[in-house]
Amino acid sequence: MYEFLKGFHNLLRWVVVIGGAYALFTMARGLLTQARWTAGATGAGRIFTISMHTQLLVGIVLYGLTPLIAGGIAAPLTNRLLLIEHATTMILAVVAVQLGTSLARRAPSDAGKYRRALIGYAVGALFVLWATPWGKSLIPWV
C-alpha cells in the first residue's frame, strides 16, 4: 500500500505542476489583457486547487504510513527534509493556493480577481517548486 501511494503521490505532482502552470498562465493573461473573469478562469483555479488538496491528502496518508517515522526527528538529514521541511512547505503551498482562490472569489472587480488569484497561485507554485524532490524518478514504479 505504501509503495503504491508513494508512486501515486509522485504521479500526482505532475497534475499539480501542469495545473499550476495552466492556472498561472490563465490568471496572468487575464490580468494583462484586462479580460472579464470567466468560467474558464474559475476552472483553471479549481484544477490547481483541487489537485493541491488531493496531493495534500495523499501526502498525509503517506506521512502516517512512512517507515521513516521510526527514525524520529534525529533521523538522517534526508529523512528530516522529507518529514519536516517538505510537509510544512507543502502545507503552506496549499494554504497559499486556497487563499488565492478564496480571495479572488471575493474581489469586487475582474482585475482584482485575477490579481488575487495570480498572487496566491504564484506563492503556492514557488513553495511547490522549492520543496518538491525533483531528483525522484519521473515515472513511479519503474
Protein backbone atom coordinates (compact mmCIF):
# COMPACT_ATOMS: atom_id res chain seq x y z
CA MET A 1 0.00 0.00 0.00
CA TYR A 2 2.81 2.39 0.93
CA GLU A 3 4.71 1.87 -2.33
CA PHE A 4 1.54 2.33 -4.41
CA LEU A 5 0.63 5.58 -2.62
CA LYS A 6 4.20 6.84 -2.94
CA GLY A 7 4.07 6.25 -6.70
CA PHE A 8 0.63 7.85 -6.93
CA HIS A 9 1.89 10.86 -4.98
CA ASN A 10 4.80 11.07 -7.42
CA LEU A 11 2.48 10.98 -10.45
CA LEU A 12 0.05 13.44 -8.91
CA ARG A 13 2.81 16.03 -8.66
CA TRP A 14 2.67 16.36 -12.44
CA VAL A 15 -1.05 17.14 -12.25
CA VAL A 16 -0.19 19.82 -9.69
CA VAL A 17 2.66 21.25 -11.79
CA ILE A 18 0.69 21.28 -15.06
CA GLY A 19 -2.47 22.55 -13.33
CA GLY A 20 -0.46 25.26 -11.60
CA ALA A 21 1.21 26.35 -14.83
CA TYR A 22 -2.19 26.50 -16.54
CA ALA A 23 -3.72 28.49 -13.67
CA LEU A 24 -0.78 30.93 -13.56
CA PHE A 25 -0.93 31.43 -17.32
CA THR A 26 -4.69 31.98 -17.23
CA MET A 27 -4.50 34.50 -14.37
CA ALA A 28 -1.56 36.41 -15.87
CA ARG A 29 -3.21 36.56 -19.29
CA GLY A 30 -6.50 37.73 -17.76
CA LEU A 31 -4.76 40.43 -15.74
CA LEU A 32 -2.59 41.65 -18.61
CA THR A 33 -5.40 41.75 -21.16
CA GLN A 34 -7.91 43.14 -18.65
CA ALA A 35 -10.29 40.33 -19.54
CA ARG A 36 -13.57 39.63 -17.82
CA TRP A 37 -13.50 36.87 -15.22
CA THR A 38 -14.83 33.78 -16.94
CA ALA A 39 -15.82 30.23 -16.10
CA GLY A 40 -12.52 29.22 -17.72
CA ALA A 41 -10.59 31.25 -15.16
CA THR A 42 -12.62 29.69 -12.37
CA GLY A 43 -11.95 26.24 -13.83
CA ALA A 44 -8.21 26.83 -14.10
CA GLY A 45 -8.07 27.84 -10.46
CA ARG A 46 -10.26 24.91 -9.49
CA ILE A 47 -7.94 22.42 -11.23
CA PHE A 48 -4.93 23.78 -9.36
CA THR A 49 -6.71 23.99 -6.02
CA ILE A 50 -8.28 20.53 -6.18
CA SER A 51 -5.04 18.91 -7.31
CA MET A 52 -3.21 20.58 -4.42
CA HIS A 53 -5.79 19.40 -1.90
CA THR A 54 -5.72 15.87 -3.32
CA GLN A 55 -1.93 15.83 -3.20
CA LEU A 56 -2.06 17.03 0.42
CA LEU A 57 -4.47 14.25 1.41
CA VAL A 58 -2.33 11.58 -0.25
CA GLY A 59 0.73 13.11 1.43
CA ILE A 60 -0.93 12.99 4.86
CA VAL A 61 -1.78 9.33 4.39
CA LEU A 62 1.80 8.65 3.24
CA TYR A 63 3.11 10.54 6.26
CA GLY A 64 1.19 8.17 8.51
CA LEU A 65 2.42 5.08 6.65
CA THR A 66 6.06 6.01 6.10
CA PRO A 67 8.71 3.80 7.67
CA LEU A 68 10.88 6.91 8.12
CA ILE A 69 8.89 7.96 11.20
CA ALA A 70 10.62 5.22 13.19
CA GLY A 71 13.87 7.18 12.89
CA GLY A 72 12.35 10.18 14.68
CA ILE A 73 13.50 13.78 14.39
CA ALA A 74 17.12 12.78 14.95
CA ALA A 75 16.98 10.73 11.74
CA PRO A 76 19.40 11.48 8.92
CA LEU A 77 19.11 14.80 7.13
CA THR A 78 17.21 13.40 4.12
CA ASN A 79 14.54 12.00 6.43
CA ARG A 80 14.29 15.31 8.28
CA LEU A 81 13.95 17.17 4.99
CA LEU A 82 11.17 14.86 3.88
CA LEU A 83 9.36 14.64 7.19
CA ILE A 84 9.52 18.24 8.30
CA GLU A 85 10.54 20.73 5.61
CA HIS A 86 8.69 19.06 2.71
CA ALA A 87 5.49 18.58 4.71
CA THR A 88 5.50 22.08 6.21
CA THR A 89 6.29 23.82 2.93
CA MET A 90 3.65 21.88 1.03
CA ILE A 91 1.01 22.73 3.64
CA LEU A 92 1.98 26.39 3.18
CA ALA A 93 1.65 25.92 -0.59
CA VAL A 94 -1.87 24.54 -0.21
CA VAL A 95 -2.81 27.43 2.09
CA ALA A 96 -1.46 29.98 -0.42
CA VAL A 97 -3.34 28.43 -3.34
CA GLN A 98 -6.55 28.16 -1.33
CA LEU A 99 -6.20 31.79 -0.23
CA GLY A 100 -5.71 32.83 -3.85
CA THR A 101 -8.91 31.04 -4.81
CA SER A 102 -10.94 32.29 -1.85
CA LEU A 103 -9.77 35.89 -2.06
CA ALA A 104 -10.30 36.01 -5.83
CA ARG A 105 -13.88 34.92 -5.34
CA ARG A 106 -14.49 37.88 -3.04
CA ALA A 107 -12.77 40.56 -5.14
CA PRO A 108 -15.08 43.33 -6.35
CA SER A 109 -13.62 43.60 -9.86
CA ASP A 110 -12.40 41.21 -12.53
CA ALA A 111 -8.89 42.68 -12.38
CA GLY A 112 -8.92 42.17 -8.61
CA LYS A 113 -9.94 38.55 -9.04
CA TYR A 114 -7.11 37.90 -11.48
CA ARG A 115 -4.59 39.76 -9.31
CA ARG A 116 -5.52 37.97 -6.08
CA ALA A 117 -5.56 34.56 -7.75
CA LEU A 118 -2.25 35.22 -9.50
CA ILE A 119 -0.54 36.23 -6.26
CA GLY A 120 -1.86 33.25 -4.30
CA TYR A 121 -1.09 30.78 -7.08
CA ALA A 122 2.39 32.21 -7.63
CA VAL A 123 3.27 31.94 -3.94
CA GLY A 124 1.91 28.39 -3.85
CA ALA A 125 3.77 27.46 -7.03
CA LEU A 126 7.04 28.81 -5.62
CA PHE A 127 6.60 26.69 -2.50
CA VAL A 128 5.85 23.64 -4.65
CA LEU A 129 8.86 24.21 -6.90
CA TRP A 130 11.15 24.73 -3.93
CA ALA A 131 10.03 21.74 -1.82
CA THR A 132 9.40 19.10 -4.48
CA PRO A 133 12.07 16.39 -4.51
CA TRP A 134 12.84 16.70 -8.23
CA GLY A 135 15.52 14.02 -8.08
CA LYS A 136 12.89 11.28 -7.84
CA SER A 137 12.06 9.17 -10.88
CA LEU A 138 9.76 10.89 -13.34
CA ILE A 139 7.74 7.71 -13.69
CA PRO A 140 6.99 5.79 -10.49
CA TRP A 141 7.03 2.02 -10.14
CA VAL A 142 9.87 1.72 -12.67
